[in-house]
């Protein structure tokens, strides 16, 4: 699993949350797949363990991860990827929005109005 945290990318916990969520949503992380321990991922990303723990808790609240003592943190059996067509459309939208200088909030507003 390749994640990165950048100074300009917002809070490190949110970056970790969004990247793992994206990997699950696009099917790159499958149901039941084990994630690195909090300490291991924190060391890999050079962030505090509490930052990774916060991201994992948020992903659990979203229903994407399940943590069990003794078996670690895994992708939830209820987590389902989106189709490749939807993932591709999202990538195109994100690229166009960045090119136009739109914020995430602007993009979400456009999506909500199109729903």
PDB file of N, CA and C in Angstrom:
ATOM      1  N   UNK A   1       0.854  -1.164   0.000  1.00  0.00           N
ATOM      2  CA  UNK A   1       0.000   0.000   0.000  1.00  0.00           C
ATOM      3  C   UNK A   1       0.900   1.226   0.000  1.00  0.00           C
ATOM      4  N   UNK A   2       0.699   2.092  -0.991  1.00  0.00           N
ATOM      5  CA  UNK A   2       1.523   3.282  -1.119  1.00  0.00           C
ATOM      6  C   UNK A   2       0.691   4.505  -0.768  1.00  0.00           C
ATOM      7  N   UNK A   3       1.087   5.147   0.316  1.00  0.00           N
ATOM      8  CA  UNK A   3       0.440   6.377   0.763  1.00  0.00           C
ATOM      9  C   UNK A   3       1.512   7.435   0.917  1.00  0.00           C
ATOM     10  N   UNK A   4       1.097   8.684   0.857  1.00  0.00           N
ATOM     11  CA  UNK A   4       2.037   9.769   1.113  1.00  0.00           C
ATOM     12  C   UNK A   4       1.300  10.887   1.842  1.00  0.00           C
ATOM     13  N   UNK A   5       2.057  11.615   2.626  1.00  0.00           N
ATOM     14  CA  UNK A   5       1.525  12.756   3.354  1.00  0.00           C
ATOM     15  C   UNK A   5       2.383  13.954   2.968  1.00  0.00           C
ATOM     16  N   UNK A   6       1.721  15.026   2.538  1.00  0.00           N
ATOM     17  CA  UNK A   6       2.442  16.225   2.121  1.00  0.00           C
ATOM     18  C   UNK A   6       2.033  17.405   2.993  1.00  0.00           C
ATOM     19  N   UNK A   7       2.935  18.370   3.171  1.00  0.00           N
ATOM     20  CA  UNK A   7       2.602  19.535   3.996  1.00  0.00           C
ATOM     21  C   UNK A   7       1.441  20.357   3.434  1.00  0.00           C
ATOM     22  N   UNK A   8       1.309  20.393   2.116  1.00  0.00           N
ATOM     23  CA  UNK A   8       0.258  21.207   1.511  1.00  0.00           C
ATOM     24  C   UNK A   8      -1.046  20.442   1.312  1.00  0.00           C
ATOM     25  N   UNK A   9      -1.100  19.193   1.716  1.00  0.00           N
ATOM     26  CA  UNK A   9      -2.276  18.364   1.456  1.00  0.00           C
ATOM     27  C   UNK A   9      -3.352  18.397   2.530  1.00  0.00           C
ATOM     28  N   UNK A  10      -3.241  19.279   3.495  1.00  0.00           N
ATOM     29  CA  UNK A  10      -4.219  19.305   4.585  1.00  0.00           C
ATOM     30  C   UNK A  10      -3.714  18.494   5.761  1.00  0.00           C
ATOM     31  N   UNK A  11      -4.622  18.191   6.685  1.00  0.00           N
ATOM     32  CA  UNK A  11      -4.192  17.462   7.876  1.00  0.00           C
ATOM     33  C   UNK A  11      -3.724  16.060   7.500  1.00  0.00           C
ATOM     34  N   UNK A  12      -2.645  15.597   8.128  1.00  0.00           N
ATOM     35  CA  UNK A  12      -2.138  14.264   7.808  1.00  0.00           C
ATOM     36  C   UNK A  12      -3.179  13.160   8.021  1.00  0.00           C
ATOM     37  N   UNK A  13      -3.983  13.261   9.089  1.00  0.00           N
ATOM     38  CA  UNK A  13      -5.001  12.240   9.337  1.00  0.00           C
ATOM     39  C   UNK A  13      -6.020  12.216   8.200  1.00  0.00           C
ATOM     40  N   UNK A  14      -6.426  13.381   7.705  1.00  0.00           N
ATOM     41  CA  UNK A  14      -7.393  13.467   6.604  1.00  0.00           C
ATOM     42  C   UNK A  14      -6.780  12.918   5.326  1.00  0.00           C
ATOM     43  N   UNK A  15      -5.503  13.203   5.084  1.00  0.00           N
ATOM     44  CA  UNK A  15      -4.833  12.669   3.896  1.00  0.00           C
ATOM     45  C   UNK A  15      -4.800  11.136   3.928  1.00  0.00           C
ATOM     46  N   UNK A  16      -4.459  10.588   5.083  1.00  0.00           N
ATOM     47  CA  UNK A  16      -4.414   9.128   5.229  1.00  0.00           C
ATOM     48  C   UNK A  16      -5.814   8.554   5.029  1.00  0.00           C
ATOM     49  N   UNK A  17      -6.798   9.147   5.675  1.00  0.00           N
ATOM     50  CA  UNK A  17      -8.191   8.705   5.536  1.00  0.00           C
ATOM     51  C   UNK A  17      -8.603   8.701   4.066  1.00  0.00           C
ATOM     52  N   UNK A  18      -8.384   9.818   3.387  1.00  0.00           N
ATOM     53  CA  UNK A  18      -8.839   9.952   2.001  1.00  0.00           C
ATOM     54  C   UNK A  18      -8.133   8.978   1.063  1.00  0.00           C
ATOM     55  N   UNK A  19      -6.854   8.763   1.290  1.00  0.00           N
ATOM     56  CA  UNK A  19      -6.112   7.850   0.417  1.00  0.00           C
ATOM     57  C   UNK A  19      -6.541   6.404   0.618  1.00  0.00           C
ATOM     58  N   UNK A  20      -6.705   5.990   1.865  1.00  0.00           N
ATOM     59  CA  UNK A  20      -7.157   4.614   2.117  1.00  0.00           C
ATOM     60  C   UNK A  20      -8.583   4.434   1.615  1.00  0.00           C
ATOM     61  N   UNK A  21      -9.430   5.412   1.853  1.00  0.00           N
ATOM     62  CA  UNK A  21     -10.799   5.349   1.349  1.00  0.00           C
ATOM     63  C   UNK A  21     -10.800   5.204  -0.167  1.00  0.00           C
ATOM     64  N   UNK A  22      -9.944   5.955  -0.834  1.00  0.00           N
ATOM     65  CA  UNK A  22      -9.834   5.860  -2.290  1.00  0.00           C
ATOM     66  C   UNK A  22      -9.365   4.495  -2.753  1.00  0.00           C
ATOM     67  N   UNK A  23      -8.407   3.913  -2.038  1.00  0.00           N
ATOM     68  CA  UNK A  23      -7.915   2.577  -2.396  1.00  0.00           C
ATOM     69  C   UNK A  23      -9.016   1.522  -2.243  1.00  0.00           C
ATOM     70  N   UNK A  24      -9.839   1.671  -1.228  1.00  0.00           N
ATOM     71  CA  UNK A  24     -10.940   0.730  -1.007  1.00  0.00           C
ATOM     72  C   UNK A  24     -12.020   0.943  -2.064  1.00  0.00           C
ATOM     73  N   UNK A  25     -12.369   2.193  -2.300  1.00  0.00           N
ATOM     74  CA  UNK A  25     -13.431   2.516  -3.238  1.00  0.00           C
ATOM     75  C   UNK A  25     -13.101   2.071  -4.654  1.00  0.00           C
ATOM     76  N   UNK A  26     -11.840   2.170  -5.036  1.00  0.00           N
ATOM     77  CA  UNK A  26     -11.446   1.771  -6.383  1.00  0.00           C
ATOM     78  C   UNK A  26     -11.100   0.285  -6.489  1.00  0.00           C
ATOM     79  N   UNK A  27     -11.184  -0.424  -5.378  1.00  0.00           N
ATOM     80  CA  UNK A  27     -10.916  -1.859  -5.400  1.00  0.00           C
ATOM     81  C   UNK A  27      -9.458  -2.237  -5.286  1.00  0.00           C
ATOM     82  N   UNK A  28      -8.583  -1.269  -5.056  1.00  0.00           N
ATOM     83  CA  UNK A  28      -7.156  -1.584  -4.903  1.00  0.00           C
ATOM     84  C   UNK A  28      -6.866  -2.232  -3.565  1.00  0.00           C
ATOM     85  N   UNK A  29      -7.745  -1.994  -2.595  1.00  0.00           N
ATOM     86  CA  UNK A  29      -7.712  -2.711  -1.312  1.00  0.00           C
ATOM     87  C   UNK A  29      -9.023  -3.478  -1.238  1.00  0.00           C
ATOM     88  N   UNK A  30      -8.932  -4.777  -1.140  1.00  0.00           N
ATOM     89  CA  UNK A  30     -10.128  -5.611  -1.158  1.00  0.00           C
ATOM     90  C   UNK A  30     -10.649  -5.963   0.216  1.00  0.00           C
ATOM     91  N   UNK A  31     -11.872  -6.441   0.225  1.00  0.00           N
ATOM     92  CA  UNK A  31     -12.515  -6.873   1.474  1.00  0.00           C
ATOM     93  C   UNK A  31     -11.634  -7.871   2.199  1.00  0.00           C
ATOM     94  N   UNK A  32     -11.484  -7.647   3.504  1.00  0.00           N
ATOM     95  CA  UNK A  32     -10.705  -8.560   4.334  1.00  0.00           C
ATOM     96  C   UNK A  32      -9.202  -8.329   4.284  1.00  0.00           C
ATOM     97  N   UNK A  33      -8.749  -7.465   3.413  1.00  0.00           N
ATOM     98  CA  UNK A  33      -7.311  -7.225   3.300  1.00  0.00           C
ATOM     99  C   UNK A  33      -6.803  -6.487   4.535  1.00  0.00           C
ATOM    100  N   UNK A  34      -5.669  -6.958   5.035  1.00  0.00           N
ATOM    101  CA  UNK A  34      -5.113  -6.393   6.265  1.00  0.00           C
ATOM    102  C   UNK A  34      -4.294  -5.150   5.968  1.00  0.00           C
ATOM    103  N   UNK A  35      -4.465  -4.135   6.813  1.00  0.00           N
ATOM    104  CA  UNK A  35      -3.700  -2.899   6.708  1.00  0.00           C
ATOM    105  C   UNK A  35      -2.517  -2.963   7.664  1.00  0.00           C
ATOM    106  N   UNK A  36      -1.520  -2.116   7.432  1.00  0.00           N
ATOM    107  CA  UNK A  36      -0.394  -2.084   8.358  1.00  0.00           C
ATOM    108  C   UNK A  36      -0.864  -1.660   9.746  1.00  0.00           C
ATOM    109  N   UNK A  37      -0.112  -2.059  10.750  1.00  0.00           N
ATOM    110  CA  UNK A  37      -0.431  -1.611  12.102  1.00  0.00           C
ATOM    111  C   UNK A  37      -0.301  -0.097  12.173  1.00  0.00           C
ATOM    112  N   UNK A  38      -0.926   0.488  13.179  1.00  0.00           N
ATOM    113  CA  UNK A  38      -0.842   1.935  13.376  1.00  0.00           C
ATOM    114  C   UNK A  38       0.621   2.360  13.480  1.00  0.00           C
ATOM    115  N   UNK A  39       1.387   1.651  14.277  1.00  0.00           N
ATOM    116  CA  UNK A  39       2.794   2.017  14.467  1.00  0.00           C
ATOM    117  C   UNK A  39       3.598   1.878  13.189  1.00  0.00           C
ATOM    118  N   UNK A  40       3.346   0.800  12.441  1.00  0.00           N
ATOM    119  CA  UNK A  40       4.091   0.583  11.203  1.00  0.00           C
ATOM    120  C   UNK A  40       3.787   1.668  10.179  1.00  0.00           C
ATOM    121  N   UNK A  41       2.499   1.976   9.982  1.00  0.00           N
ATOM    122  CA  UNK A  41       2.141   3.001   8.998  1.00  0.00           C
ATOM    123  C   UNK A  41       2.646   4.371   9.445  1.00  0.00           C
ATOM    124  N   UNK A  42       2.578   4.650  10.740  1.00  0.00           N
ATOM    125  CA  UNK A  42       3.095   5.925  11.252  1.00  0.00           C
ATOM    126  C   UNK A  42       4.590   6.044  10.965  1.00  0.00           C
ATOM    127  N   UNK A  43       5.331   4.980  11.180  1.00  0.00           N
ATOM    128  CA  UNK A  43       6.768   4.996  10.901  1.00  0.00           C
ATOM    129  C   UNK A  43       7.019   5.168   9.404  1.00  0.00           C
ATOM    130  N   UNK A  44       6.254   4.466   8.576  1.00  0.00           N
ATOM    131  CA  UNK A  44       6.425   4.564   7.121  1.00  0.00           C
ATOM    132  C   UNK A  44       6.161   5.977   6.607  1.00  0.00           C
ATOM    133  N   UNK A  45       5.184   6.653   7.200  1.00  0.00           N
ATOM    134  CA  UNK A  45       4.793   7.986   6.744  1.00  0.00           C
ATOM    135  C   UNK A  45       5.445   9.117   7.533  1.00  0.00           C
ATOM    136  N   UNK A  46       6.218   8.760   8.547  1.00  0.00           N
ATOM    137  CA  UNK A  46       6.890   9.744   9.412  1.00  0.00           C
ATOM    138  C   UNK A  46       5.874  10.690  10.063  1.00  0.00           C
ATOM    139  N   UNK A  47       4.814  10.091  10.610  1.00  0.00           N
ATOM    140  CA  UNK A  47       3.811  10.856  11.357  1.00  0.00           C
ATOM    141  C   UNK A  47       3.645  10.196  12.726  1.00  0.00           C
ATOM    142  N   UNK A  48       2.958  10.865  13.608  1.00  0.00           N
ATOM    143  CA  UNK A  48       2.713  10.310  14.942  1.00  0.00           C
ATOM    144  C   UNK A  48       1.708   9.163  14.858  1.00  0.00           C
ATOM    145  N   UNK A  49       1.879   8.137  15.695  1.00  0.00           N
ATOM    146  CA  UNK A  49       0.920   7.031  15.703  1.00  0.00           C
ATOM    147  C   UNK A  49      -0.518   7.495  15.938  1.00  0.00           C
ATOM    148  N   UNK A  50      -0.699   8.536  16.737  1.00  0.00           N
ATOM    149  CA  UNK A  50      -2.045   9.049  16.985  1.00  0.00           C
ATOM    150  C   UNK A  50      -2.717   9.563  15.714  1.00  0.00           C
ATOM    151  N   UNK A  51      -1.913  10.049  14.782  1.00  0.00           N
ATOM    152  CA  UNK A  51      -2.447  10.543  13.505  1.00  0.00           C
ATOM    153  C   UNK A  51      -3.034   9.388  12.707  1.00  0.00           C
ATOM    154  N   UNK A  52      -2.302   8.284  12.632  1.00  0.00           N
ATOM    155  CA  UNK A  52      -2.794   7.110  11.909  1.00  0.00           C
ATOM    156  C   UNK A  52      -4.001   6.517  12.635  1.00  0.00           C
ATOM    157  N   UNK A  53      -3.932   6.463  13.959  1.00  0.00           N
ATOM    158  CA  UNK A  53      -5.052   5.929  14.736  1.00  0.00           C
ATOM    159  C   UNK A  53      -6.316   6.751  14.489  1.00  0.00           C
ATOM    160  N   UNK A  54      -6.173   8.061  14.398  1.00  0.00           N
ATOM    161  CA  UNK A  54      -7.322   8.938  14.126  1.00  0.00           C
ATOM    162  C   UNK A  54      -7.911   8.627  12.746  1.00  0.00           C
ATOM    163  N   UNK A  55      -7.063   8.455  11.762  1.00  0.00           N
ATOM    164  CA  UNK A  55      -7.537   8.124  10.410  1.00  0.00           C
ATOM    165  C   UNK A  55      -8.231   6.766  10.401  1.00  0.00           C
ATOM    166  N   UNK A  56      -7.647   5.773  11.069  1.00  0.00           N
ATOM    167  CA  UNK A  56      -8.258   4.440  11.130  1.00  0.00           C
ATOM    168  C   UNK A  56      -9.620   4.502  11.822  1.00  0.00           C
ATOM    169  N   UNK A  57      -9.718   5.244  12.932  1.00  0.00           N
ATOM    170  CA  UNK A  57     -11.008   5.363  13.633  1.00  0.00           C
ATOM    171  C   UNK A  57     -12.065   5.992  12.733  1.00  0.00           C
ATOM    172  N   UNK A  58     -11.673   7.000  11.985  1.00  0.00           N
ATOM    173  CA  UNK A  58     -12.594   7.665  11.069  1.00  0.00           C
ATOM    174  C   UNK A  58     -13.050   6.705   9.967  1.00  0.00           C
ATOM    175  N   UNK A  59     -12.145   5.903   9.460  1.00  0.00           N
ATOM    176  CA  UNK A  59     -12.481   4.912   8.428  1.00  0.00           C
ATOM    177  C   UNK A  59     -13.381   3.814   9.000  1.00  0.00           C
ATOM    178  N   UNK A  60     -13.172   3.472  10.272  1.00  0.00           N
ATOM    179  CA  UNK A  60     -14.072   2.517  10.932  1.00  0.00           C
ATOM    180  C   UNK A  60     -15.468   3.111  11.061  1.00  0.00           C
ATOM    181  N   UNK A  61     -15.534   4.384  11.441  1.00  0.00           N
ATOM    182  CA  UNK A  61     -16.838   5.053  11.566  1.00  0.00           C
ATOM    183  C   UNK A  61     -17.558   5.112  10.218  1.00  0.00           C
ATOM    184  N   UNK A  62     -16.779   5.190   9.136  1.00  0.00           N
ATOM    185  CA  UNK A  62     -17.362   5.199   7.787  1.00  0.00           C
ATOM    186  C   UNK A  62     -17.769   3.803   7.326  1.00  0.00           C
ATOM    187  N   UNK A  63     -17.433   2.786   8.127  1.00  0.00           N
ATOM    188  CA  UNK A  63     -17.772   1.409   7.750  1.00  0.00           C
ATOM    189  C   UNK A  63     -16.808   0.768   6.770  1.00  0.00           C
ATOM    190  N   UNK A  64     -15.641   1.382   6.580  1.00  0.00           N
ATOM    191  CA  UNK A  64     -14.680   0.847   5.619  1.00  0.00           C
ATOM    192  C   UNK A  64     -13.650  -0.080   6.238  1.00  0.00           C
ATOM    193  N   UNK A  65     -13.362   0.112   7.526  1.00  0.00           N
ATOM    194  CA  UNK A  65     -12.380  -0.726   8.218  1.00  0.00           C
ATOM    195  C   UNK A  65     -12.992  -1.367   9.452  1.00  0.00           C
ATOM    196  N   UNK A  66     -12.393  -2.480   9.857  1.00  0.00           N
ATOM    197  CA  UNK A  66     -12.765  -3.171  11.085  1.00  0.00           C
ATOM    198  C   UNK A  66     -11.467  -3.513  11.803  1.00  0.00           C
ATOM    199  N   UNK A  67     -11.404  -3.180  13.087  1.00  0.00           N
ATOM    200  CA  UNK A  67     -10.221  -3.507  13.884  1.00  0.00           C
ATOM    201  C   UNK A  67     -10.618  -4.489  14.967  1.00  0.00           C
ATOM    202  N   UNK A  68      -9.880  -5.586  15.043  1.00  0.00           N
ATOM    203  CA  UNK A  68     -10.119  -6.589  16.076  1.00  0.00           C
ATOM    204  C   UNK A  68      -8.797  -6.915  16.743  1.00  0.00           C
ATOM    205  N   UNK A  69      -8.837  -6.992  18.070  1.00  0.00           N
ATOM    206  CA  UNK A  69      -7.638  -7.336  18.824  1.00  0.00           C
ATOM    207  C   UNK A  69      -7.165  -8.712  18.370  1.00  0.00           C
ATOM    208  N   UNK A  70      -5.895  -8.802  18.036  1.00  0.00           N
ATOM    209  CA  UNK A  70      -5.315 -10.073  17.631  1.00  0.00           C
ATOM    210  C   UNK A  70      -5.304 -10.298  16.133  1.00  0.00           C
ATOM    211  N   UNK A  71      -6.220  -9.659  15.401  1.00  0.00           N
ATOM    212  CA  UNK A  71      -6.211  -9.853  13.949  1.00  0.00           C
ATOM    213  C   UNK A  71      -5.954  -8.553  13.198  1.00  0.00           C
ATOM    214  N   UNK A  72      -5.759  -7.460  13.927  1.00  0.00           N
ATOM    215  CA  UNK A  72      -5.390  -6.195  13.298  1.00  0.00           C
ATOM    216  C   UNK A  72      -6.545  -5.476  12.629  1.00  0.00           C
ATOM    217  N   UNK A  73      -6.177  -4.566  11.760  1.00  0.00           N
ATOM    218  CA  UNK A  73      -7.145  -3.745  11.045  1.00  0.00           C
ATOM    219  C   UNK A  73      -7.269  -4.251   9.626  1.00  0.00           C
ATOM    220  N   UNK A  74      -8.504  -4.491   9.223  1.00  0.00           N
ATOM    221  CA  UNK A  74      -8.779  -5.029   7.884  1.00  0.00           C
ATOM    222  C   UNK A  74      -9.869  -4.220   7.208  1.00  0.00           C
ATOM    223  N   UNK A  75      -9.907  -4.336   5.879  1.00  0.00           N
ATOM    224  CA  UNK A  75     -10.996  -3.732   5.120  1.00  0.00           C
ATOM    225  C   UNK A  75     -12.269  -4.486   5.481  1.00  0.00           C
ATOM    226  N   UNK A  76     -13.310  -3.743   5.764  1.00  0.00           N
ATOM    227  CA  UNK A  76     -14.596  -4.320   6.155  1.00  0.00           C
ATOM    228  C   UNK A  76     -15.177  -5.193   5.047  1.00  0.00           C
ATOM    229  N   UNK A  77     -15.866  -6.236   5.446  1.00  0.00           N
ATOM    230  CA  UNK A  77     -16.564  -7.086   4.475  1.00  0.00           C
ATOM    231  C   UNK A  77     -17.706  -6.327   3.802  1.00  0.00           C
ATOM    232  N   UNK A  78     -18.155  -5.235   4.431  1.00  0.00           N
ATOM    233  CA  UNK A  78     -19.237  -4.427   3.875  1.00  0.00           C
ATOM    234  C   UNK A  78     -18.739  -3.366   2.900  1.00  0.00           C
ATOM    235  N   UNK A  79     -17.424  -3.163   2.832  1.00  0.00           N
ATOM    236  CA  UNK A  79     -16.867  -2.148   1.938  1.00  0.00           C
ATOM    237  C   UNK A  79     -16.938  -2.660   0.505  1.00  0.00           C
ATOM    238  N   UNK A  80     -17.498  -1.854  -0.366  1.00  0.00           N
ATOM    239  CA  UNK A  80     -17.650  -2.271  -1.756  1.00  0.00           C
ATOM    240  C   UNK A  80     -17.029  -1.233  -2.685  1.00  0.00           C
ATOM    241  N   UNK A  81     -16.234  -1.692  -3.646  1.00  0.00           N
ATOM    242  CA  UNK A  81     -15.658  -0.748  -4.599  1.00  0.00           C
ATOM    243  C   UNK A  81     -16.720  -0.252  -5.585  1.00  0.00           C
ATOM    244  N   UNK A  82     -16.449   0.871  -6.196  1.00  0.00           N
ATOM    245  CA  UNK A  82     -17.328   1.374  -7.253  1.00  0.00           C
ATOM    246  C   UNK A  82     -16.849   0.800  -8.575  1.00  0.00           C
ATOM    247  N   UNK A  83     -17.683   0.909  -9.588  1.00  0.00           N
ATOM    248  CA  UNK A  83     -17.299   0.397 -10.904  1.00  0.00           C
ATOM    249  C   UNK A  83     -16.117   1.191 -11.449  1.00  0.00           C
ATOM    250  N   UNK A  84     -15.406   0.589 -12.378  1.00  0.00           N
ATOM    251  CA  UNK A  84     -14.259   1.281 -12.967  1.00  0.00           C
ATOM    252  C   UNK A  84     -14.715   2.522 -13.734  1.00  0.00           C
ATOM    253  N   UNK A  85     -15.911   2.490 -14.304  1.00  0.00           N
ATOM    254  CA  UNK A  85     -16.416   3.653 -15.036  1.00  0.00           C
ATOM    255  C   UNK A  85     -16.612   4.837 -14.092  1.00  0.00           C
ATOM    256  N   UNK A  86     -17.165   4.578 -12.913  1.00  0.00           N
ATOM    257  CA  UNK A  86     -17.372   5.660 -11.939  1.00  0.00           C
ATOM    258  C   UNK A  86     -16.021   6.164 -11.430  1.00  0.00           C
ATOM    259  N   UNK A  87     -15.100   5.269 -11.147  1.00  0.00           N
ATOM    260  CA  UNK A  87     -13.772   5.671 -10.679  1.00  0.00           C
ATOM    261  C   UNK A  87     -13.062   6.511 -11.736  1.00  0.00           C
ATOM    262  N   UNK A  88     -13.170   6.120 -12.991  1.00  0.00           N
ATOM    263  CA  UNK A  88     -12.538   6.875 -14.080  1.00  0.00           C
ATOM    264  C   UNK A  88     -13.181   8.256 -14.228  1.00  0.00           C
ATOM    265  N   UNK A  89     -14.501   8.319 -14.151  1.00  0.00           N
ATOM    266  CA  UNK A  89     -15.193   9.606 -14.243  1.00  0.00           C
ATOM    267  C   UNK A  89     -14.766  10.525 -13.090  1.00  0.00           C
ATOM    268  N   UNK A  90     -14.599   9.958 -11.902  1.00  0.00           N
ATOM    269  CA  UNK A  90     -14.172  10.745 -10.750  1.00  0.00           C
ATOM    270  C   UNK A  90     -12.764  11.294 -10.963  1.00  0.00           C
ATOM    271  N   UNK A  91     -11.873  10.471 -11.520  1.00  0.00           N
ATOM    272  CA  UNK A  91     -10.517  10.946 -11.802  1.00  0.00           C
ATOM    273  C   UNK A  91     -10.541  12.091 -12.811  1.00  0.00           C
ATOM    274  N   UNK A  92     -11.385  11.959 -13.846  1.00  0.00           N
ATOM    275  CA  UNK A  92     -11.499  13.024 -14.850  1.00  0.00           C
ATOM    276  C   UNK A  92     -12.041  14.305 -14.216  1.00  0.00           C
ATOM    277  N   UNK A  93     -13.059  14.172 -13.374  1.00  0.00           N
ATOM    278  CA  UNK A  93     -13.623  15.331 -12.691  1.00  0.00           C
ATOM    279  C   UNK A  93     -12.578  15.994 -11.804  1.00  0.00           C
ATOM    280  N   UNK A  94     -11.837  15.188 -11.061  1.00  0.00           N
ATOM    281  CA  UNK A  94     -10.811  15.738 -10.166  1.00  0.00           C
ATOM    282  C   UNK A  94      -9.736  16.479 -10.955  1.00  0.00           C
ATOM    283  N   UNK A  95      -9.314  15.924 -12.071  1.00  0.00           N
ATOM    284  CA  UNK A  95      -8.301  16.575 -12.899  1.00  0.00           C
ATOM    285  C   UNK A  95      -8.823  17.893 -13.458  1.00  0.00           C
ATOM    286  N   UNK A  96     -10.036  17.878 -13.995  1.00  0.00           N
ATOM    287  CA  UNK A  96     -10.631  19.101 -14.552  1.00  0.00           C
ATOM    288  C   UNK A  96     -10.806  20.160 -13.469  1.00  0.00           C
ATOM    289  N   UNK A  97     -11.251  19.745 -12.297  1.00  0.00           N
ATOM    290  CA  UNK A  97     -11.464  20.691 -11.202  1.00  0.00           C
ATOM    291  C   UNK A  97     -10.145  21.318 -10.764  1.00  0.00           C
ATOM    292  N   UNK A  98      -9.097  20.511 -10.650  1.00  0.00           N
ATOM    293  CA  UNK A  98      -7.781  21.048 -10.284  1.00  0.00           C
ATOM    294  C   UNK A  98      -7.288  22.031 -11.344  1.00  0.00           C
ATOM    295  N   UNK A  99      -7.474  21.655 -12.619  1.00  0.00           N
ATOM    296  CA  UNK A  99      -7.047  22.532 -13.713  1.00  0.00           C
ATOM    297  C   UNK A  99      -7.778  23.874 -13.683  1.00  0.00           C
ATOM    298  N   UNK A 100      -9.025  23.853 -13.234  1.00  0.00           N
ATOM    299  CA  UNK A 100      -9.839  25.076 -13.155  1.00  0.00           C
ATOM    300  C   UNK A 100      -9.645  25.819 -11.830  1.00  0.00           C
ATOM    301  N   UNK A 101      -8.882  25.240 -10.924  1.00  0.00           N
ATOM    302  CA  UNK A 101      -8.627  25.874  -9.641  1.00  0.00           C
ATOM    303  C   UNK A 101      -9.783  25.773  -8.660  1.00  0.00           C
ATOM    304  N   UNK A 102     -10.651  24.781  -8.852  1.00  0.00           N
ATOM    305  CA  UNK A 102     -11.786  24.614  -7.952  1.00  0.00           C
ATOM    306  C   UNK A 102     -11.370  23.910  -6.666  1.00  0.00           C
ATOM    307  N   UNK A 103     -12.069  24.205  -5.601  1.00  0.00           N
ATOM    308  CA  UNK A 103     -11.836  23.522  -4.327  1.00  0.00           C
ATOM    309  C   UNK A 103     -12.672  22.247  -4.285  1.00  0.00           C
ATOM    310  N   UNK A 104     -12.369  21.393  -3.336  1.00  0.00           N
ATOM    311  CA  UNK A 104     -13.157  20.182  -3.146  1.00  0.00           C
ATOM    312  C   UNK A 104     -14.607  20.535  -2.839  1.00  0.00           C
ATOM    313  N   UNK A 105     -14.802  21.580  -2.063  1.00  0.00           N
ATOM    314  CA  UNK A 105     -16.170  22.010  -1.727  1.00  0.00           C
ATOM    315  C   UNK A 105     -16.941  22.406  -2.980  1.00  0.00           C
ATOM    316  N   UNK A 106     -16.260  23.092  -3.925  1.00  0.00           N
ATOM    317  CA  UNK A 106     -16.899  23.459  -5.187  1.00  0.00           C
ATOM    318  C   UNK A 106     -17.317  22.216  -5.971  1.00  0.00           C
ATOM    319  N   UNK A 107     -16.425  21.240  -6.014  1.00  0.00           N
ATOM    320  CA  UNK A 107     -16.712  20.004  -6.748  1.00  0.00           C
ATOM    321  C   UNK A 107     -17.881  19.266  -6.106  1.00  0.00           C
ATOM    322  N   UNK A 108     -17.885  19.197  -4.782  1.00  0.00           N
ATOM    323  CA  UNK A 108     -18.992  18.528  -4.090  1.00  0.00           C
ATOM    324  C   UNK A 108     -20.315  19.240  -4.341  1.00  0.00           C
ATOM    325  N   UNK A 109     -20.280  20.553  -4.394  1.00  0.00           N
ATOM    326  CA  UNK A 109     -21.489  21.312  -4.676  1.00  0.00           C
ATOM    327  C   UNK A 109     -22.014  20.982  -6.079  1.00  0.00           C
ATOM    328  N   UNK A 110     -21.109  20.865  -7.051  1.00  0.00           N
ATOM    329  CA  UNK A 110     -21.504  20.491  -8.416  1.00  0.00           C
ATOM    330  C   UNK A 110     -22.099  19.091  -8.437  1.00  0.00           C
ATOM    331  N   UNK A 111     -21.468  18.178  -7.733  1.00  0.00           N
ATOM    332  CA  UNK A 111     -21.992  16.809  -7.687  1.00  0.00           C
ATOM    333  C   UNK A 111     -23.364  16.746  -7.045  1.00  0.00           C
ATOM    334  N   UNK A 112     -23.526  17.466  -5.941  1.00  0.00           N
ATOM    335  CA  UNK A 112     -24.821  17.462  -5.254  1.00  0.00           C
ATOM    336  C   UNK A 112     -25.928  18.034  -6.137  1.00  0.00           C
ATOM    337  N   UNK A 113     -25.599  19.073  -6.892  1.00  0.00           N
ATOM    338  CA  UNK A 113     -26.621  19.677  -7.760  1.00  0.00           C
ATOM    339  C   UNK A 113     -26.933  18.780  -8.954  1.00  0.00           C
ATOM    340  N   UNK A 114     -26.014  17.877  -9.287  1.00  0.00           N
ATOM    341  CA  UNK A 114     -26.230  16.948 -10.414  1.00  0.00           C
ATOM    342  C   UNK A 114     -26.922  15.669  -9.976  1.00  0.00           C
ATOM    343  N   UNK A 115     -27.029  15.457  -8.694  1.00  0.00           N
ATOM    344  CA  UNK A 115     -27.590  14.222  -8.151  1.00  0.00           C
ATOM    345  C   UNK A 115     -29.033  14.179  -8.399  1.00  0.00           C
TER     346      UNK A 115
END
